[in-house]
């Protein structure tokens, strides 16, 4: 891994959580970040999870869903105890998380936000999420992700 550890990696190390880093070449021209990870690393899309920052009733919330699905905003709103959800502005997501879009990790965010992880994560021994920068993913047990984000599991992805 080149450069200093990201806040996500530092959080995993501090918590002594078993994890594996998976670097890959990021093409600066791409905006389909999840698809790029799946293709570059050869992992099944249902085990690679994307981190999306959303507003639920006006407050920022994190949704973590598999690349193979889409975030169901209504389901996320309900899971977060709200009524209405919408995608957050990129600038708000970056400012709140401390990460750049395409490299937002659910771990080590600047501001701890309510986090909801799609329940399909629990179907796998390990999953992959962003390690805090484009071109770097981290593999970890779903239970560790839930614990470290103080998240909840709920059905928030649709096919």
C-alpha atoms as a PDB file:
ATOM      1  CA  UNK A   1       0.000   0.000   0.000  1.00  0.00           C
ATOM      2  CA  UNK A   2       1.481   3.311  -1.069  1.00  0.00           C
ATOM      3  CA  UNK A   3       1.189   6.348   1.169  1.00  0.00           C
ATOM      4  CA  UNK A   4      -0.159   6.757   4.657  1.00  0.00           C
ATOM      5  CA  UNK A   5      -2.969   4.550   5.880  1.00  0.00           C
ATOM      6  CA  UNK A   6      -6.431   5.973   5.380  1.00  0.00           C
ATOM      7  CA  UNK A   7      -8.661   6.691   8.386  1.00  0.00           C
ATOM      8  CA  UNK A   8     -10.560   3.482   7.493  1.00  0.00           C
ATOM      9  CA  UNK A   9      -7.398   1.374   7.697  1.00  0.00           C
ATOM     10  CA  UNK A  10      -6.344   3.145  10.897  1.00  0.00           C
ATOM     11  CA  UNK A  11      -9.762   2.368  12.450  1.00  0.00           C
ATOM     12  CA  UNK A  12      -9.439  -1.327  11.536  1.00  0.00           C
ATOM     13  CA  UNK A  13      -5.912  -1.491  12.915  1.00  0.00           C
ATOM     14  CA  UNK A  14      -6.877   0.294  16.152  1.00  0.00           C
ATOM     15  CA  UNK A  15      -9.775  -2.119  16.664  1.00  0.00           C
ATOM     16  CA  UNK A  16      -7.505  -5.109  15.871  1.00  0.00           C
ATOM     17  CA  UNK A  17      -9.955  -6.294  13.213  1.00  0.00           C
ATOM     18  CA  UNK A  18      -8.740  -8.922  10.756  1.00  0.00           C
ATOM     19  CA  UNK A  19      -8.791  -7.452   7.263  1.00  0.00           C
ATOM     20  CA  UNK A  20      -7.080  -7.771   3.893  1.00  0.00           C
ATOM     21  CA  UNK A  21      -6.290  -4.844   1.618  1.00  0.00           C
ATOM     22  CA  UNK A  22      -6.952  -5.220  -2.101  1.00  0.00           C
ATOM     23  CA  UNK A  23      -5.313  -2.518  -4.232  1.00  0.00           C
ATOM     24  CA  UNK A  24      -6.275  -2.178  -7.888  1.00  0.00           C
ATOM     25  CA  UNK A  25      -5.581   0.233 -10.723  1.00  0.00           C
ATOM     26  CA  UNK A  26      -8.159   3.018 -10.734  1.00  0.00           C
ATOM     27  CA  UNK A  27      -8.875   4.619 -14.086  1.00  0.00           C
ATOM     28  CA  UNK A  28      -9.384   8.355 -13.408  1.00  0.00           C
ATOM     29  CA  UNK A  29     -11.868   8.512 -16.312  1.00  0.00           C
ATOM     30  CA  UNK A  30     -14.332   6.095 -14.689  1.00  0.00           C
ATOM     31  CA  UNK A  31     -17.283   7.054 -12.537  1.00  0.00           C
ATOM     32  CA  UNK A  32     -18.663   3.500 -12.241  1.00  0.00           C
ATOM     33  CA  UNK A  33     -16.505   2.856  -9.189  1.00  0.00           C
ATOM     34  CA  UNK A  34     -18.185  -0.339  -7.971  1.00  0.00           C
ATOM     35  CA  UNK A  35     -18.168  -1.937 -11.408  1.00  0.00           C
ATOM     36  CA  UNK A  36     -14.496  -1.023 -11.755  1.00  0.00           C
ATOM     37  CA  UNK A  37     -13.678  -2.839  -8.490  1.00  0.00           C
ATOM     38  CA  UNK A  38     -15.587  -5.963  -9.534  1.00  0.00           C
ATOM     39  CA  UNK A  39     -13.822  -6.053 -12.896  1.00  0.00           C
ATOM     40  CA  UNK A  40     -10.351  -5.215 -11.570  1.00  0.00           C
ATOM     41  CA  UNK A  41     -10.385  -7.646  -8.638  1.00  0.00           C
ATOM     42  CA  UNK A  42     -12.586 -10.382 -10.105  1.00  0.00           C
ATOM     43  CA  UNK A  43     -14.879 -10.527  -7.100  1.00  0.00           C
ATOM     44  CA  UNK A  44     -18.596 -11.337  -7.398  1.00  0.00           C
ATOM     45  CA  UNK A  45     -20.635  -8.114  -7.406  1.00  0.00           C
ATOM     46  CA  UNK A  46     -22.798  -9.374  -4.536  1.00  0.00           C
ATOM     47  CA  UNK A  47     -19.715  -9.412  -2.238  1.00  0.00           C
ATOM     48  CA  UNK A  48     -18.431  -5.952  -3.176  1.00  0.00           C
ATOM     49  CA  UNK A  49     -20.335  -3.225  -1.330  1.00  0.00           C
ATOM     50  CA  UNK A  50     -20.622   0.451  -2.210  1.00  0.00           C
ATOM     51  CA  UNK A  51     -20.977   3.214   0.354  1.00  0.00           C
ATOM     52  CA  UNK A  52     -23.635   5.819  -0.395  1.00  0.00           C
ATOM     53  CA  UNK A  53     -24.335   8.950   1.622  1.00  0.00           C
ATOM     54  CA  UNK A  54     -27.997   9.876   1.764  1.00  0.00           C
ATOM     55  CA  UNK A  55     -30.152  12.411   3.556  1.00  0.00           C
ATOM     56  CA  UNK A  56     -32.958  10.904   5.607  1.00  0.00           C
ATOM     57  CA  UNK A  57     -35.424  13.564   6.732  1.00  0.00           C
ATOM     58  CA  UNK A  58     -32.630  16.104   6.260  1.00  0.00           C
ATOM     59  CA  UNK A  59     -29.890  14.295   8.200  1.00  0.00           C
ATOM     60  CA  UNK A  60     -26.947  12.516   6.605  1.00  0.00           C
ATOM     61  CA  UNK A  61     -27.030   8.724   6.754  1.00  0.00           C
ATOM     62  CA  UNK A  62     -24.852   6.023   5.192  1.00  0.00           C
ATOM     63  CA  UNK A  63     -26.244   3.137   3.147  1.00  0.00           C
ATOM     64  CA  UNK A  64     -23.977   0.211   2.254  1.00  0.00           C
ATOM     65  CA  UNK A  65     -25.271  -2.008  -0.552  1.00  0.00           C
ATOM     66  CA  UNK A  66     -23.818  -4.602  -2.919  1.00  0.00           C
ATOM     67  CA  UNK A  67     -22.597  -3.401  -6.299  1.00  0.00           C
ATOM     68  CA  UNK A  68     -24.995  -5.968  -7.802  1.00  0.00           C
ATOM     69  CA  UNK A  69     -27.995  -3.982  -6.519  1.00  0.00           C
ATOM     70  CA  UNK A  70     -29.368  -0.492  -6.135  1.00  0.00           C
ATOM     71  CA  UNK A  71     -30.072   1.402  -2.949  1.00  0.00           C
ATOM     72  CA  UNK A  72     -33.807   1.399  -2.158  1.00  0.00           C
ATOM     73  CA  UNK A  73     -34.206   4.917  -0.737  1.00  0.00           C
ATOM     74  CA  UNK A  74     -37.616   4.203   0.778  1.00  0.00           C
ATOM     75  CA  UNK A  75     -36.320   1.087   2.573  1.00  0.00           C
ATOM     76  CA  UNK A  76     -33.299   3.011   3.848  1.00  0.00           C
ATOM     77  CA  UNK A  77     -35.528   5.795   5.180  1.00  0.00           C
ATOM     78  CA  UNK A  78     -37.643   3.255   7.079  1.00  0.00           C
ATOM     79  CA  UNK A  79     -34.552   1.400   8.392  1.00  0.00           C
ATOM     80  CA  UNK A  80     -33.086   4.714   9.597  1.00  0.00           C
ATOM     81  CA  UNK A  81     -36.318   5.657  11.362  1.00  0.00           C
ATOM     82  CA  UNK A  82     -37.312   8.317   8.874  1.00  0.00           C
ATOM     83  CA  UNK A  83     -39.834   8.979   6.171  1.00  0.00           C
ATOM     84  CA  UNK A  84     -38.022  10.405   3.167  1.00  0.00           C
ATOM     85  CA  UNK A  85     -34.560   9.748   1.757  1.00  0.00           C
ATOM     86  CA  UNK A  86     -32.624  11.288  -1.121  1.00  0.00           C
ATOM     87  CA  UNK A  87     -29.051  11.021  -2.315  1.00  0.00           C
ATOM     88  CA  UNK A  88     -26.838  13.583  -0.570  1.00  0.00           C
ATOM     89  CA  UNK A  89     -24.964  16.168  -2.599  1.00  0.00           C
ATOM     90  CA  UNK A  90     -21.469  14.909  -3.439  1.00  0.00           C
ATOM     91  CA  UNK A  91     -19.879  17.907  -1.705  1.00  0.00           C
ATOM     92  CA  UNK A  92     -21.849  17.168   1.496  1.00  0.00           C
ATOM     93  CA  UNK A  93     -20.871  13.481   1.398  1.00  0.00           C
ATOM     94  CA  UNK A  94     -17.195  14.338   0.896  1.00  0.00           C
ATOM     95  CA  UNK A  95     -17.156  17.033   3.588  1.00  0.00           C
ATOM     96  CA  UNK A  96     -18.907  14.829   6.150  1.00  0.00           C
ATOM     97  CA  UNK A  97     -16.913  11.656   5.450  1.00  0.00           C
ATOM     98  CA  UNK A  98     -13.506  13.193   4.792  1.00  0.00           C
ATOM     99  CA  UNK A  99     -13.195  11.011   1.686  1.00  0.00           C
ATOM    100  CA  UNK A 100     -13.488  11.698  -2.028  1.00  0.00           C
ATOM    101  CA  UNK A 101     -16.457  10.292  -3.983  1.00  0.00           C
ATOM    102  CA  UNK A 102     -15.589   6.853  -5.318  1.00  0.00           C
ATOM    103  CA  UNK A 103     -13.402   6.279  -2.268  1.00  0.00           C
ATOM    104  CA  UNK A 104     -15.886   6.883   0.543  1.00  0.00           C
ATOM    105  CA  UNK A 105     -15.514   4.171   3.137  1.00  0.00           C
ATOM    106  CA  UNK A 106     -18.138   3.363   5.762  1.00  0.00           C
ATOM    107  CA  UNK A 107     -15.193   3.137   8.190  1.00  0.00           C
ATOM    108  CA  UNK A 108     -13.209   5.979   9.734  1.00  0.00           C
ATOM    109  CA  UNK A 109     -15.493   8.751   8.561  1.00  0.00           C
ATOM    110  CA  UNK A 110     -14.811  12.267   9.838  1.00  0.00           C
ATOM    111  CA  UNK A 111     -18.326  12.411  11.341  1.00  0.00           C
ATOM    112  CA  UNK A 112     -19.913   9.201  12.594  1.00  0.00           C
ATOM    113  CA  UNK A 113     -23.222   8.896  10.770  1.00  0.00           C
ATOM    114  CA  UNK A 114     -26.086   6.447  11.213  1.00  0.00           C
ATOM    115  CA  UNK A 115     -25.175   3.490   9.001  1.00  0.00           C
ATOM    116  CA  UNK A 116     -27.438   0.841   7.476  1.00  0.00           C
ATOM    117  CA  UNK A 117     -25.853  -2.142   5.739  1.00  0.00           C
ATOM    118  CA  UNK A 118     -27.857  -4.338   3.401  1.00  0.00           C
ATOM    119  CA  UNK A 119     -28.667  -7.577   5.177  1.00  0.00           C
ATOM    120  CA  UNK A 120     -27.232  -9.612   2.289  1.00  0.00           C
ATOM    121  CA  UNK A 121     -23.793  -8.808   3.714  1.00  0.00           C
ATOM    122  CA  UNK A 122     -24.479 -11.373   6.442  1.00  0.00           C
ATOM    123  CA  UNK A 123     -24.747 -14.101   3.767  1.00  0.00           C
ATOM    124  CA  UNK A 124     -20.964 -13.974   3.226  1.00  0.00           C
ATOM    125  CA  UNK A 125     -17.944 -14.796   5.381  1.00  0.00           C
ATOM    126  CA  UNK A 126     -16.243 -11.647   4.106  1.00  0.00           C
ATOM    127  CA  UNK A 127     -17.223  -8.683   1.982  1.00  0.00           C
ATOM    128  CA  UNK A 128     -15.295  -5.838   0.417  1.00  0.00           C
ATOM    129  CA  UNK A 129     -15.802  -2.090   0.962  1.00  0.00           C
ATOM    130  CA  UNK A 130     -13.753   0.962   0.084  1.00  0.00           C
ATOM    131  CA  UNK A 131     -10.642   1.363   2.213  1.00  0.00           C
ATOM    132  CA  UNK A 132     -10.891   5.134   1.915  1.00  0.00           C
ATOM    133  CA  UNK A 133      -9.449   5.951  -1.471  1.00  0.00           C
ATOM    134  CA  UNK A 134     -10.030   5.091  -5.076  1.00  0.00           C
ATOM    135  CA  UNK A 135      -7.949   2.066  -6.021  1.00  0.00           C
ATOM    136  CA  UNK A 136      -8.027   0.431  -2.591  1.00  0.00           C
ATOM    137  CA  UNK A 137     -10.603  -1.936  -1.105  1.00  0.00           C
ATOM    138  CA  UNK A 138     -10.647  -3.755   2.218  1.00  0.00           C
ATOM    139  CA  UNK A 139     -12.007  -7.242   2.852  1.00  0.00           C
ATOM    140  CA  UNK A 140     -13.494  -7.917   6.278  1.00  0.00           C
ATOM    141  CA  UNK A 141     -16.187  -9.886   8.058  1.00  0.00           C
ATOM    142  CA  UNK A 142     -19.641  -8.281   7.827  1.00  0.00           C
ATOM    143  CA  UNK A 143     -20.072  -8.518  11.616  1.00  0.00           C
ATOM    144  CA  UNK A 144     -16.926  -6.425  12.075  1.00  0.00           C
ATOM    145  CA  UNK A 145     -18.259  -3.802   9.661  1.00  0.00           C
ATOM    146  CA  UNK A 146     -21.539  -3.631  11.568  1.00  0.00           C
ATOM    147  CA  UNK A 147     -19.728  -3.348  14.900  1.00  0.00           C
ATOM    148  CA  UNK A 148     -17.216  -0.703  13.845  1.00  0.00           C
ATOM    149  CA  UNK A 149     -19.812   1.505  12.118  1.00  0.00           C
ATOM    150  CA  UNK A 150     -22.349   0.906  14.904  1.00  0.00           C
ATOM    151  CA  UNK A 151     -24.552   0.013  11.976  1.00  0.00           C
ATOM    152  CA  UNK A 152     -27.663  -2.008  11.528  1.00  0.00           C
ATOM    153  CA  UNK A 153     -28.557  -4.669   8.981  1.00  0.00           C
ATOM    154  CA  UNK A 154     -31.708  -4.183   6.931  1.00  0.00           C
ATOM    155  CA  UNK A 155     -33.033  -5.002   3.469  1.00  0.00           C
ATOM    156  CA  UNK A 156     -32.096  -1.757   1.699  1.00  0.00           C
ATOM    157  CA  UNK A 157     -30.964  -3.053  -1.721  1.00  0.00           C
ATOM    158  CA  UNK A 158     -33.100  -3.833  -4.730  1.00  0.00           C
ATOM    159  CA  UNK A 159     -32.051  -5.780  -7.795  1.00  0.00           C
END
